[in-house]
Amino acid sequence: MAKQKRMAVRADIATRKQAFVRDEIEAAAATLFAERGYRAVTMDDVADSLGYTKSVIYYYFKNKNEILWQIFTKSLEFYSVAMKAIEAKKLPPSEALTEMIREHAICVMQNKNYTTIYNREEAELEPQQRRQLNKMKRVYDLMFEDVFKAGVEANVFRDMPSHVAISGILGMCNWLHVWYDEKGSLTPDQIADHYAVLLRDGYATSKG
């Protein structure tokens, strides 16, 4: 019994170590892809940035495309988790959409490398991967669109096509990765607050 327990502990440690190394490789590749562009980076570059041999990288990822696809799917995963947490609160449409916009903007800024790749490197995916990604994107966008439609029905949002409104909102937030500066005077929370207010209330004052 004691031997089985020791073997189980060792297996758990090995699994966690493998997950850590895989995440480490993915994060290093994301940094390089964001800085240099996907095509300019080789598996040797990824290995060198971590002080690993190339064989270690190939042990965890069969090729560069697999790393890229993992970055895309993980990006949508942590965005979706954040939105589902807001969805679970069952907030009124105006409050829900404000929180969703704010959280999406924060995700963009706090995961700048991943967002850069997500917005720039889709053409490097395989056709089947792009098709799957489009389906995943649609599911994500629908979370926003459902809230917007509920707001239109409640007469708190302007009556316009939901996909037009949400495409504009998310498009504005997604480009934060281009100009957001970690050393700037505003924190991600402060910028996200400004975006949420701007997109909810517009840019004119009540006197305008």
N, C-alpha and C. Protein backbone atom coordinates (compact mmCIF):
# COMPACT_ATOMS: atom_id res chain seq x y z
N MET A 1 0.82 -1.21 0.00
CA MET A 1 0.00 0.00 0.00
C MET A 1 0.86 1.27 0.00
N ALA A 2 1.93 1.24 0.86
CA ALA A 2 2.82 2.39 0.96
C ALA A 2 3.57 2.60 -0.36
N LYS A 3 3.95 1.48 -0.99
CA LYS A 3 4.66 1.56 -2.26
C LYS A 3 3.78 2.18 -3.34
N GLN A 4 2.52 1.77 -3.38
CA GLN A 4 1.58 2.32 -4.36
C GLN A 4 1.38 3.82 -4.15
N LYS A 5 1.35 4.20 -2.87
CA LYS A 5 1.19 5.62 -2.55
C LYS A 5 2.39 6.43 -3.03
N ARG A 6 3.60 5.89 -2.81
CA ARG A 6 4.81 6.58 -3.26
C ARG A 6 4.83 6.71 -4.78
N MET A 7 4.41 5.64 -5.46
CA MET A 7 4.38 5.66 -6.93
C MET A 7 3.36 6.69 -7.44
N ALA A 8 2.24 6.80 -6.75
CA ALA A 8 1.21 7.77 -7.14
C ALA A 8 1.72 9.19 -6.95
N VAL A 9 2.44 9.41 -5.85
CA VAL A 9 3.01 10.75 -5.58
C VAL A 9 4.03 11.11 -6.64
N ARG A 10 4.89 10.15 -6.99
CA ARG A 10 5.91 10.40 -8.02
C ARG A 10 5.26 10.70 -9.37
N ALA A 11 4.21 9.95 -9.70
CA ALA A 11 3.51 10.17 -10.96
C ALA A 11 2.88 11.56 -10.99
N ASP A 12 2.32 11.98 -9.86
CA ASP A 12 1.71 13.31 -9.77
C ASP A 12 2.76 14.40 -9.94
N ILE A 13 3.91 14.21 -9.31
CA ILE A 13 5.00 15.19 -9.43
C ILE A 13 5.48 15.28 -10.87
N ALA A 14 5.62 14.12 -11.52
CA ALA A 14 6.08 14.09 -12.92
C ALA A 14 5.08 14.79 -13.83
N THR A 15 3.79 14.56 -13.59
CA THR A 15 2.75 15.19 -14.40
C THR A 15 2.79 16.70 -14.25
N ARG A 16 2.93 17.16 -13.00
CA ARG A 16 2.96 18.61 -12.75
C ARG A 16 4.22 19.24 -13.35
N LYS A 17 5.33 18.50 -13.29
CA LYS A 17 6.57 19.01 -13.88
C LYS A 17 6.44 19.14 -15.39
N GLN A 18 5.83 18.14 -16.02
CA GLN A 18 5.63 18.19 -17.47
C GLN A 18 4.71 19.35 -17.86
N ALA A 19 3.66 19.56 -17.08
CA ALA A 19 2.74 20.67 -17.36
C ALA A 19 3.46 22.01 -17.21
N PHE A 20 4.34 22.11 -16.21
CA PHE A 20 5.10 23.34 -15.99
C PHE A 20 6.03 23.62 -17.17
N VAL A 21 6.76 22.60 -17.60
CA VAL A 21 7.70 22.79 -18.71
C VAL A 21 6.95 23.13 -20.00
N ARG A 22 5.84 22.46 -20.24
CA ARG A 22 5.04 22.74 -21.43
C ARG A 22 4.55 24.21 -21.42
N ASP A 23 4.07 24.66 -20.27
CA ASP A 23 3.62 26.05 -20.16
C ASP A 23 4.79 27.02 -20.34
N GLU A 24 5.95 26.64 -19.82
CA GLU A 24 7.14 27.47 -19.94
C GLU A 24 7.55 27.62 -21.41
N ILE A 25 7.52 26.53 -22.14
CA ILE A 25 7.86 26.57 -23.57
C ILE A 25 6.86 27.42 -24.34
N GLU A 26 5.59 27.22 -24.05
CA GLU A 26 4.54 27.99 -24.72
C GLU A 26 4.70 29.49 -24.46
N ALA A 27 4.96 29.87 -23.21
CA ALA A 27 5.12 31.28 -22.87
C ALA A 27 6.34 31.89 -23.55
N ALA A 28 7.44 31.13 -23.60
CA ALA A 28 8.65 31.62 -24.26
C ALA A 28 8.42 31.81 -25.75
N ALA A 29 7.73 30.85 -26.36
CA ALA A 29 7.41 30.97 -27.79
C ALA A 29 6.50 32.15 -28.04
N ALA A 30 5.52 32.37 -27.16
CA ALA A 30 4.60 33.50 -27.31
C ALA A 30 5.36 34.83 -27.30
N THR A 31 6.33 34.93 -26.41
CA THR A 31 7.13 36.16 -26.35
C THR A 31 7.88 36.38 -27.66
N LEU A 32 8.49 35.32 -28.18
CA LEU A 32 9.26 35.43 -29.42
C LEU A 32 8.35 35.70 -30.62
N PHE A 33 7.21 34.99 -30.69
CA PHE A 33 6.27 35.21 -31.80
C PHE A 33 5.77 36.65 -31.80
N ALA A 34 5.47 37.17 -30.61
CA ALA A 34 4.95 38.54 -30.52
C ALA A 34 6.02 39.57 -30.90
N GLU A 35 7.25 39.31 -30.52
CA GLU A 35 8.34 40.26 -30.79
C GLU A 35 8.81 40.23 -32.24
N ARG A 36 8.97 39.02 -32.80
CA ARG A 36 9.60 38.88 -34.10
C ARG A 36 8.65 38.48 -35.23
N GLY A 37 7.49 37.95 -34.86
CA GLY A 37 6.59 37.38 -35.85
C GLY A 37 6.79 35.88 -35.93
N TYR A 38 5.72 35.16 -36.16
CA TYR A 38 5.75 33.70 -36.13
C TYR A 38 6.77 33.11 -37.11
N ARG A 39 6.77 33.60 -38.33
CA ARG A 39 7.63 33.00 -39.36
C ARG A 39 9.11 33.19 -39.08
N ALA A 40 9.45 34.24 -38.37
CA ALA A 40 10.86 34.54 -38.12
C ALA A 40 11.46 33.73 -36.97
N VAL A 41 10.62 33.01 -36.25
CA VAL A 41 11.08 32.26 -35.08
C VAL A 41 11.20 30.78 -35.41
N THR A 42 12.28 30.15 -34.98
CA THR A 42 12.48 28.72 -35.18
C THR A 42 12.37 27.99 -33.84
N MET A 43 12.26 26.69 -33.91
CA MET A 43 12.25 25.88 -32.69
C MET A 43 13.59 26.02 -31.95
N ASP A 44 14.68 26.21 -32.70
CA ASP A 44 15.98 26.46 -32.07
C ASP A 44 15.94 27.74 -31.24
N ASP A 45 15.27 28.77 -31.77
CA ASP A 45 15.15 30.04 -31.03
C ASP A 45 14.41 29.85 -29.71
N VAL A 46 13.35 29.07 -29.76
CA VAL A 46 12.57 28.80 -28.55
C VAL A 46 13.43 28.06 -27.54
N ALA A 47 14.15 27.04 -28.01
CA ALA A 47 15.03 26.27 -27.12
C ALA A 47 16.11 27.15 -26.52
N ASP A 48 16.75 27.97 -27.34
CA ASP A 48 17.83 28.85 -26.87
C ASP A 48 17.35 29.84 -25.82
N SER A 49 16.12 30.34 -26.01
CA SER A 49 15.60 31.34 -25.06
C SER A 49 15.39 30.76 -23.67
N LEU A 50 15.26 29.44 -23.60
CA LEU A 50 15.05 28.77 -22.31
C LEU A 50 16.29 28.03 -21.81
N GLY A 51 17.31 27.96 -22.65
CA GLY A 51 18.49 27.21 -22.28
C GLY A 51 18.29 25.71 -22.38
N TYR A 52 17.33 25.30 -23.22
CA TYR A 52 17.04 23.88 -23.44
C TYR A 52 17.68 23.42 -24.76
N THR A 53 17.77 22.11 -24.91
CA THR A 53 18.13 21.58 -26.22
C THR A 53 16.85 21.51 -27.06
N LYS A 54 17.01 21.48 -28.37
CA LYS A 54 15.83 21.42 -29.24
C LYS A 54 15.03 20.14 -29.01
N SER A 55 15.71 19.07 -28.62
CA SER A 55 15.01 17.80 -28.38
C SER A 55 13.99 17.93 -27.25
N VAL A 56 14.27 18.78 -26.28
CA VAL A 56 13.33 18.99 -25.18
C VAL A 56 12.05 19.64 -25.72
N ILE A 57 12.21 20.62 -26.59
CA ILE A 57 11.05 21.30 -27.17
C ILE A 57 10.21 20.31 -27.97
N TYR A 58 10.88 19.47 -28.76
CA TYR A 58 10.17 18.49 -29.58
C TYR A 58 9.53 17.38 -28.74
N TYR A 59 10.01 17.18 -27.55
CA TYR A 59 9.38 16.19 -26.66
C TYR A 59 7.97 16.65 -26.27
N TYR A 60 7.79 17.95 -26.12
CA TYR A 60 6.51 18.50 -25.68
C TYR A 60 5.63 18.98 -26.83
N PHE A 61 6.23 19.41 -27.92
CA PHE A 61 5.48 19.90 -29.07
C PHE A 61 6.08 19.31 -30.34
N LYS A 62 5.22 18.74 -31.19
CA LYS A 62 5.74 18.08 -32.38
C LYS A 62 6.26 19.05 -33.42
N ASN A 63 5.75 20.29 -33.41
CA ASN A 63 6.23 21.30 -34.35
C ASN A 63 5.80 22.69 -33.87
N LYS A 64 6.22 23.69 -34.61
CA LYS A 64 5.93 25.09 -34.24
C LYS A 64 4.44 25.40 -34.34
N ASN A 65 3.79 24.78 -35.31
CA ASN A 65 2.35 25.01 -35.48
C ASN A 65 1.57 24.57 -34.24
N GLU A 66 1.99 23.48 -33.62
CA GLU A 66 1.28 23.00 -32.44
C GLU A 66 1.38 24.02 -31.30
N ILE A 67 2.53 24.66 -31.19
CA ILE A 67 2.67 25.71 -30.17
C ILE A 67 1.74 26.87 -30.49
N LEU A 68 1.72 27.27 -31.75
CA LEU A 68 0.87 28.40 -32.16
C LEU A 68 -0.60 28.09 -31.88
N TRP A 69 -1.03 26.90 -32.22
CA TRP A 69 -2.43 26.52 -32.00
C TRP A 69 -2.75 26.51 -30.51
N GLN A 70 -1.83 26.05 -29.70
CA GLN A 70 -2.02 26.05 -28.25
C GLN A 70 -2.20 27.47 -27.74
N ILE A 71 -1.44 28.41 -28.29
CA ILE A 71 -1.55 29.81 -27.89
C ILE A 71 -2.94 30.35 -28.24
N PHE A 72 -3.42 30.05 -29.43
CA PHE A 72 -4.74 30.51 -29.85
C PHE A 72 -5.84 29.92 -28.95
N THR A 73 -5.79 28.62 -28.73
CA THR A 73 -6.86 28.00 -27.95
C THR A 73 -6.82 28.44 -26.49
N LYS A 74 -5.62 28.63 -25.95
CA LYS A 74 -5.53 29.08 -24.56
C LYS A 74 -6.01 30.52 -24.43
N SER A 75 -5.75 31.34 -25.45
CA SER A 75 -6.23 32.72 -25.42
C SER A 75 -7.75 32.75 -25.28
N LEU A 76 -8.42 32.01 -26.14
CA LEU A 76 -9.89 31.99 -26.08
C LEU A 76 -10.38 31.35 -24.79
N GLU A 77 -9.62 30.42 -24.27
CA GLU A 77 -10.03 29.74 -23.05
C GLU A 77 -10.08 30.69 -21.87
N PHE A 78 -9.00 31.48 -21.66
CA PHE A 78 -9.05 32.34 -20.48
C PHE A 78 -9.98 33.54 -20.68
N TYR A 79 -10.21 33.96 -21.91
CA TYR A 79 -11.23 34.99 -22.15
C TYR A 79 -12.62 34.42 -21.83
N SER A 80 -12.88 33.22 -22.29
CA SER A 80 -14.20 32.61 -22.09
C SER A 80 -14.48 32.34 -20.62
N VAL A 81 -13.48 31.89 -19.89
CA VAL A 81 -13.66 31.64 -18.45
C VAL A 81 -14.08 32.91 -17.74
N ALA A 82 -13.44 34.03 -18.09
CA ALA A 82 -13.78 35.31 -17.46
C ALA A 82 -15.21 35.71 -17.77
N MET A 83 -15.64 35.52 -19.02
CA MET A 83 -16.99 35.92 -19.40
C MET A 83 -18.05 35.01 -18.77
N LYS A 84 -17.76 33.73 -18.67
CA LYS A 84 -18.72 32.80 -18.07
C LYS A 84 -18.92 33.11 -16.59
N ALA A 85 -17.86 33.59 -15.93
CA ALA A 85 -17.98 33.96 -14.52
C ALA A 85 -18.94 35.14 -14.36
N ILE A 86 -18.87 36.09 -15.28
CA ILE A 86 -19.79 37.23 -15.26
C ILE A 86 -21.20 36.78 -15.60
N GLU A 87 -21.31 35.92 -16.60
CA GLU A 87 -22.60 35.38 -17.03
C GLU A 87 -23.33 34.70 -15.87
N ALA A 88 -22.56 34.01 -15.02
CA ALA A 88 -23.14 33.27 -13.90
C ALA A 88 -23.75 34.19 -12.84
N LYS A 89 -23.38 35.46 -12.84
CA LYS A 89 -23.92 36.40 -11.85
C LYS A 89 -25.36 36.82 -12.16
N LYS A 90 -25.82 36.57 -13.40
CA LYS A 90 -27.19 36.91 -13.79
C LYS A 90 -27.49 38.40 -13.57
N LEU A 91 -26.58 39.25 -14.02
CA LEU A 91 -26.74 40.69 -13.85
C LEU A 91 -27.70 41.26 -14.89
N PRO A 92 -28.28 42.43 -14.63
CA PRO A 92 -29.06 43.12 -15.66
C PRO A 92 -28.16 43.41 -16.86
N PRO A 93 -28.71 43.51 -18.08
CA PRO A 93 -27.90 43.66 -19.29
C PRO A 93 -26.86 44.78 -19.23
N SER A 94 -27.26 45.96 -18.73
CA SER A 94 -26.32 47.08 -18.70
C SER A 94 -25.11 46.79 -17.81
N GLU A 95 -25.35 46.22 -16.63
CA GLU A 95 -24.26 45.89 -15.72
C GLU A 95 -23.41 44.74 -16.28
N ALA A 96 -24.08 43.76 -16.85
CA ALA A 96 -23.35 42.61 -17.38
C ALA A 96 -22.43 43.02 -18.52
N LEU A 97 -22.94 43.82 -19.47
CA LEU A 97 -22.12 44.21 -20.61
C LEU A 97 -20.96 45.10 -20.17
N THR A 98 -21.21 45.98 -19.21
CA THR A 98 -20.13 46.83 -18.69
C THR A 98 -19.02 45.99 -18.09
N GLU A 99 -19.38 44.99 -17.29
CA GLU A 99 -18.37 44.11 -16.69
C GLU A 99 -17.63 43.30 -17.75
N MET A 100 -18.37 42.84 -18.75
CA MET A 100 -17.76 42.02 -19.81
C MET A 100 -16.76 42.84 -20.63
N ILE A 101 -17.13 44.07 -20.96
CA ILE A 101 -16.22 44.95 -21.69
C ILE A 101 -14.97 45.20 -20.88
N ARG A 102 -15.17 45.50 -19.61
CA ARG A 102 -14.05 45.80 -18.72
C ARG A 102 -13.12 44.59 -18.61
N GLU A 103 -13.69 43.41 -18.40
CA GLU A 103 -12.88 42.20 -18.24
C GLU A 103 -12.15 41.84 -19.54
N HIS A 104 -12.83 42.01 -20.67
CA HIS A 104 -12.19 41.72 -21.95
C HIS A 104 -10.99 42.64 -22.17
N ALA A 105 -11.17 43.92 -21.88
CA ALA A 105 -10.08 44.88 -22.06
C ALA A 105 -8.89 44.54 -21.15
N ILE A 106 -9.17 44.15 -19.92
CA ILE A 106 -8.10 43.77 -18.99
C ILE A 106 -7.37 42.53 -19.50
N CYS A 107 -8.11 41.56 -20.00
CA CYS A 107 -7.48 40.35 -20.55
C CYS A 107 -6.54 40.69 -21.69
N VAL A 108 -6.96 41.63 -22.55
CA VAL A 108 -6.11 42.05 -23.67
C VAL A 108 -4.79 42.60 -23.15
N MET A 109 -4.87 43.48 -22.16
CA MET A 109 -3.66 44.15 -21.66
C MET A 109 -2.78 43.23 -20.81
N GLN A 110 -3.39 42.36 -20.04
CA GLN A 110 -2.60 41.50 -19.16
C GLN A 110 -2.01 40.29 -19.89
N ASN A 111 -2.46 40.04 -21.09
CA ASN A 111 -1.93 38.93 -21.91
C ASN A 111 -1.50 39.47 -23.26
N LYS A 112 -0.67 40.50 -23.22
CA LYS A 112 -0.35 41.26 -24.43
C LYS A 112 0.29 40.41 -25.52
N ASN A 113 1.22 39.52 -25.16
CA ASN A 113 1.86 38.68 -26.17
C ASN A 113 0.86 37.77 -26.86
N TYR A 114 0.01 37.14 -26.05
CA TYR A 114 -1.00 36.23 -26.61
C TYR A 114 -1.98 36.99 -27.50
N THR A 115 -2.38 38.18 -27.06
CA THR A 115 -3.33 38.97 -27.84
C THR A 115 -2.71 39.44 -29.15
N THR A 116 -1.44 39.81 -29.12
CA THR A 116 -0.74 40.21 -30.34
C THR A 116 -0.75 39.08 -31.36
N ILE A 117 -0.43 37.90 -30.89
CA ILE A 117 -0.41 36.72 -31.78
C ILE A 117 -1.81 36.42 -32.29
N TYR A 118 -2.77 36.47 -31.40
CA TYR A 118 -4.16 36.16 -31.75
C TYR A 118 -4.67 37.08 -32.85
N ASN A 119 -4.29 38.34 -32.79
CA ASN A 119 -4.77 39.32 -33.77
C ASN A 119 -3.93 39.40 -35.04
N ARG A 120 -2.74 38.79 -35.01
CA ARG A 120 -1.82 38.98 -36.14
C ARG A 120 -1.47 37.71 -36.90
N GLU A 121 -1.55 36.55 -36.24
CA GLU A 121 -0.97 35.34 -36.83
C GLU A 121 -2.00 34.29 -37.25
N GLU A 122 -3.27 34.66 -37.33
CA GLU A 122 -4.28 33.67 -37.68
C GLU A 122 -4.02 33.02 -39.04
N ALA A 123 -3.47 33.79 -39.97
CA ALA A 123 -3.20 33.26 -41.31
C ALA A 123 -2.18 32.13 -41.30
N GLU A 124 -1.41 32.01 -40.23
CA GLU A 124 -0.39 30.96 -40.13
C GLU A 124 -0.97 29.62 -39.66
N LEU A 125 -2.24 29.61 -39.25
CA LEU A 125 -2.87 28.37 -38.83
C LEU A 125 -3.23 27.51 -40.03
N GLU A 126 -3.41 26.23 -39.80
CA GLU A 126 -3.88 25.32 -40.85
C GLU A 126 -5.36 25.62 -41.14
N PRO A 127 -5.82 25.33 -42.36
CA PRO A 127 -7.23 25.60 -42.70
C PRO A 127 -8.22 25.01 -41.71
N GLN A 128 -7.98 23.78 -41.29
CA GLN A 128 -8.90 23.14 -40.33
C GLN A 128 -8.88 23.87 -38.99
N GLN A 129 -7.70 24.33 -38.60
CA GLN A 129 -7.59 25.08 -37.35
C GLN A 129 -8.33 26.41 -37.44
N ARG A 130 -8.22 27.07 -38.58
CA ARG A 130 -8.93 28.34 -38.75
C ARG A 130 -10.44 28.14 -38.69
N ARG A 131 -10.91 27.06 -39.29
CA ARG A 131 -12.35 26.76 -39.23
C ARG A 131 -12.79 26.53 -37.78
N GLN A 132 -11.99 25.78 -37.05
CA GLN A 132 -12.33 25.52 -35.65
C GLN A 132 -12.27 26.80 -34.83
N LEU A 133 -11.26 27.61 -35.11
CA LEU A 133 -11.13 28.88 -34.40
C LEU A 133 -12.32 29.78 -34.64
N ASN A 134 -12.79 29.84 -35.87
CA ASN A 134 -13.95 30.68 -36.19
C ASN A 134 -15.19 30.23 -35.41
N LYS A 135 -15.36 28.93 -35.24
CA LYS A 135 -16.48 28.42 -34.45
C LYS A 135 -16.33 28.83 -32.99
N MET A 136 -15.12 28.73 -32.48
CA MET A 136 -14.87 29.11 -31.09
C MET A 136 -15.08 30.60 -30.87
N LYS A 137 -14.64 31.40 -31.84
CA LYS A 137 -14.85 32.84 -31.76
C LYS A 137 -16.33 33.18 -31.74
N ARG A 138 -17.09 32.46 -32.57
CA ARG A 138 -18.53 32.73 -32.66
C ARG A 138 -19.21 32.45 -31.33
N VAL A 139 -18.82 31.38 -30.67
CA VAL A 139 -19.39 31.05 -29.36
C VAL A 139 -19.07 32.17 -28.36
N TYR A 140 -17.84 32.67 -28.43
CA TYR A 140 -17.43 33.76 -27.52
C TYR A 140 -18.24 35.02 -27.81
N ASP A 141 -18.31 35.41 -29.07
CA ASP A 141 -19.05 36.63 -29.44
C ASP A 141 -20.52 36.53 -29.05
N LEU A 142 -21.09 35.34 -29.15
CA LEU A 142 -22.50 35.16 -28.83
C LEU A 142 -22.80 35.46 -27.36
N MET A 143 -21.83 35.25 -26.48
CA MET A 143 -22.05 35.60 -25.08
C MET A 143 -22.32 37.10 -24.94
N PHE A 144 -21.57 37.89 -25.70
CA PHE A 144 -21.78 39.34 -25.70
C PHE A 144 -23.08 39.70 -26.41
N GLU A 145 -23.30 39.07 -27.55
CA GLU A 145 -24.49 39.41 -28.35
C GLU A 145 -25.79 39.08 -27.61
N ASP A 146 -25.80 38.00 -26.87
CA ASP A 146 -27.00 37.64 -26.11
C ASP A 146 -27.32 38.70 -25.06
N VAL A 147 -26.27 39.22 -24.42
CA VAL A 147 -26.47 40.28 -23.43
C VAL A 147 -26.96 41.56 -24.12
N PHE A 148 -26.38 41.85 -25.28
CA PHE A 148 -26.80 43.06 -26.00
C PHE A 148 -28.26 42.96 -26.43
N LYS A 149 -28.65 41.80 -26.95
CA LYS A 149 -30.04 41.60 -27.37
C LYS A 149 -31.00 41.76 -26.19
N ALA A 150 -30.59 41.24 -25.04
CA ALA A 150 -31.42 41.37 -23.84
C ALA A 150 -31.57 42.84 -23.46
N GLY A 151 -30.50 43.62 -23.65
CA GLY A 151 -30.55 45.04 -23.35
C GLY A 151 -31.45 45.80 -24.31
N VAL A 152 -31.45 45.39 -25.59
CA VAL A 152 -32.34 46.00 -26.57
C VAL A 152 -33.80 45.70 -26.21
N GLU A 153 -34.06 44.46 -25.84
CA GLU A 153 -35.42 44.07 -25.47
C GLU A 153 -35.89 44.81 -24.22
N ALA A 154 -34.96 45.10 -23.32
CA ALA A 154 -35.30 45.82 -22.09
C ALA A 154 -35.33 47.33 -22.30
N ASN A 155 -35.04 47.75 -23.54
CA ASN A 155 -35.06 49.17 -23.91
C ASN A 155 -33.98 49.99 -23.18
N VAL A 156 -32.84 49.34 -22.88
CA VAL A 156 -31.73 50.06 -22.26
C VAL A 156 -30.56 50.23 -23.24
N PHE A 157 -30.58 49.51 -24.36
CA PHE A 157 -29.57 49.65 -25.41
C PHE A 157 -30.24 50.11 -26.70
N ARG A 158 -29.47 50.77 -27.52
CA ARG A 158 -29.97 51.19 -28.82
C ARG A 158 -30.34 49.97 -29.66
N ASP A 159 -31.38 50.08 -30.43
CA ASP A 159 -31.82 48.97 -31.27
C ASP A 159 -31.00 48.95 -32.56
N MET A 160 -30.01 48.07 -32.59
CA MET A 160 -29.16 47.90 -33.77
C MET A 160 -28.75 46.43 -33.84
N PRO A 161 -28.27 45.96 -35.00
CA PRO A 161 -27.83 44.56 -35.09
C PRO A 161 -26.78 44.24 -34.04
N SER A 162 -27.00 43.20 -33.28
CA SER A 162 -26.09 42.88 -32.17
C SER A 162 -24.68 42.58 -32.65
N HIS A 163 -24.54 41.92 -33.82
CA HIS A 163 -23.19 41.57 -34.29
C HIS A 163 -22.41 42.82 -34.69
N VAL A 164 -23.12 43.86 -35.14
CA VAL A 164 -22.45 45.12 -35.48
C VAL A 164 -21.95 45.80 -34.21
N ALA A 165 -22.83 45.87 -33.22
CA ALA A 165 -22.46 46.52 -31.95
C ALA A 165 -21.29 45.80 -31.28
N ILE A 166 -21.37 44.48 -31.19
CA ILE A 166 -20.35 43.72 -30.48
C ILE A 166 -19.04 43.66 -31.25
N SER A 167 -19.11 43.58 -32.58
CA SER A 167 -17.87 43.61 -33.38
C SER A 167 -17.14 44.92 -33.16
N GLY A 168 -17.88 46.02 -33.10
CA GLY A 168 -17.27 47.33 -32.85
C GLY A 168 -16.66 47.42 -31.47
N ILE A 169 -17.39 46.94 -30.47
CA ILE A 169 -16.91 47.00 -29.09
C ILE A 169 -15.65 46.17 -28.91
N LEU A 170 -15.70 44.91 -29.35
CA LEU A 170 -14.54 44.04 -29.17
C LEU A 170 -13.36 44.47 -30.03
N GLY A 171 -13.66 44.99 -31.23
CA GLY A 171 -12.59 45.48 -32.08
C GLY A 171 -11.82 46.61 -31.43
N MET A 172 -12.56 47.52 -30.78
CA MET A 172 -11.91 48.64 -30.08
C MET A 172 -11.03 48.12 -28.95
N CYS A 173 -11.56 47.17 -28.17
CA CYS A 173 -10.79 46.63 -27.05
C CYS A 173 -9.57 45.83 -27.52
N ASN A 174 -9.73 45.08 -28.60
CA ASN A 174 -8.65 44.20 -29.05
C ASN A 174 -7.40 44.94 -29.47
N TRP A 175 -7.55 46.18 -29.93
CA TRP A 175 -6.39 46.92 -30.39
C TRP A 175 -5.62 47.60 -29.27
N LEU A 176 -6.05 47.36 -28.03
CA LEU A 176 -5.27 47.85 -26.89
C LEU A 176 -3.86 47.27 -26.90
N HIS A 177 -3.71 46.08 -27.46
CA HIS A 177 -2.38 45.45 -27.46
C HIS A 177 -1.37 46.25 -28.27
N VAL A 178 -1.85 47.10 -29.17
CA VAL A 178 -0.94 47.88 -30.02
C VAL A 178 -0.32 49.04 -29.25
N TRP A 179 -1.11 49.70 -28.43
CA TRP A 179 -0.60 50.92 -27.80
C TRP A 179 -0.46 50.86 -26.28
N TYR A 180 -1.06 49.87 -25.64
CA TYR A 180 -0.95 49.81 -24.18
C TYR A 180 0.51 49.61 -23.77
N ASP A 181 0.95 50.43 -22.81
CA ASP A 181 2.33 50.40 -22.33
C ASP A 181 2.31 50.09 -20.84
N GLU A 182 2.96 48.99 -20.46
CA GLU A 182 3.01 48.60 -19.05
C GLU A 182 3.65 49.68 -18.18
N LYS A 183 4.50 50.51 -18.78
CA LYS A 183 5.19 51.57 -18.02
C LYS A 183 4.43 52.90 -18.08
N GLY A 184 3.26 52.90 -18.72
CA GLY A 184 2.49 54.12 -18.85
C GLY A 184 1.88 54.57 -17.53
N SER A 185 1.23 55.73 -17.56
CA SER A 185 0.68 56.32 -16.34
C SER A 185 -0.62 55.68 -15.87
N LEU A 186 -1.29 54.93 -16.76
CA LEU A 186 -2.56 54.30 -16.41
C LEU A 186 -2.42 52.79 -16.29
N THR A 187 -3.05 52.23 -15.29
CA THR A 187 -3.04 50.78 -15.09
C THR A 187 -4.08 50.13 -16.01
N PRO A 188 -3.99 48.82 -16.22
CA PRO A 188 -5.02 48.13 -17.01
C PRO A 188 -6.43 48.36 -16.45
N ASP A 189 -6.57 48.36 -15.12
CA ASP A 189 -7.87 48.59 -14.51
C ASP A 189 -8.42 49.97 -14.84
N GLN A 190 -7.55 50.97 -14.79
CA GLN A 190 -7.99 52.34 -15.09
C GLN A 190 -8.40 52.49 -16.55
N ILE A 191 -7.61 51.92 -17.45
CA ILE A 191 -7.94 52.00 -18.87
C ILE A 191 -9.24 51.25 -19.15
N ALA A 192 -9.38 50.07 -18.55
CA ALA A 192 -10.59 49.28 -18.75
C ALA A 192 -11.82 50.03 -18.24
N ASP A 193 -11.67 50.74 -17.13
CA ASP A 193 -12.78 51.53 -16.61
C ASP A 193 -13.18 52.62 -17.61
N HIS A 194 -12.18 53.30 -18.19
CA HIS A 194 -12.47 54.35 -19.18
C HIS A 194 -13.18 53.76 -20.40
N TYR A 195 -12.71 52.61 -20.86
CA TYR A 195 -13.34 51.98 -22.02
C TYR A 195 -14.78 51.59 -21.73
N ALA A 196 -15.00 51.03 -20.54
CA ALA A 196 -16.35 50.60 -20.18
C ALA A 196 -17.31 51.78 -20.14
N VAL A 197 -16.86 52.89 -19.57
CA VAL A 197 -17.70 54.09 -19.50
C VAL A 197 -17.92 54.66 -20.90
N LEU A 198 -16.86 54.75 -21.69
CA LEU A 198 -16.96 55.30 -23.03
C LEU A 198 -17.93 54.49 -23.90
N LEU A 199 -17.82 53.18 -23.83
CA LEU A 199 -18.67 52.33 -24.65
C LEU A 199 -20.10 52.24 -24.13
N ARG A 200 -20.27 52.48 -22.84
CA ARG A 200 -21.61 52.45 -22.28
C ARG A 200 -22.34 53.79 -22.46
N ASP A 201 -21.62 54.89 -22.21
CA ASP A 201 -22.27 56.20 -22.16
C ASP A 201 -21.96 57.11 -23.35
N GLY A 202 -20.98 56.70 -24.20
CA GLY A 202 -20.57 57.59 -25.28
C GLY A 202 -19.55 58.60 -24.82
N TYR A 203 -19.16 59.52 -25.70
CA TYR A 203 -18.11 60.46 -25.34
C TYR A 203 -18.63 61.86 -25.00
N ALA A 204 -19.91 62.11 -25.20
CA ALA A 204 -20.46 63.44 -24.90
C ALA A 204 -20.93 63.52 -23.46
N THR A 205 -20.79 64.69 -22.84
CA THR A 205 -21.34 64.90 -21.51
C THR A 205 -22.83 65.17 -21.64
N SER A 206 -23.51 65.19 -20.52
CA SER A 206 -24.94 65.45 -20.55
C SER A 206 -25.25 66.85 -21.05
N LYS A 207 -24.22 67.73 -21.03
CA LYS A 207 -24.38 69.11 -21.49
C LYS A 207 -24.15 69.23 -22.99
N GLY A 208 -23.55 68.14 -23.58
CA GLY A 208 -23.15 68.22 -24.98
C GLY A 208 -24.30 68.14 -25.96
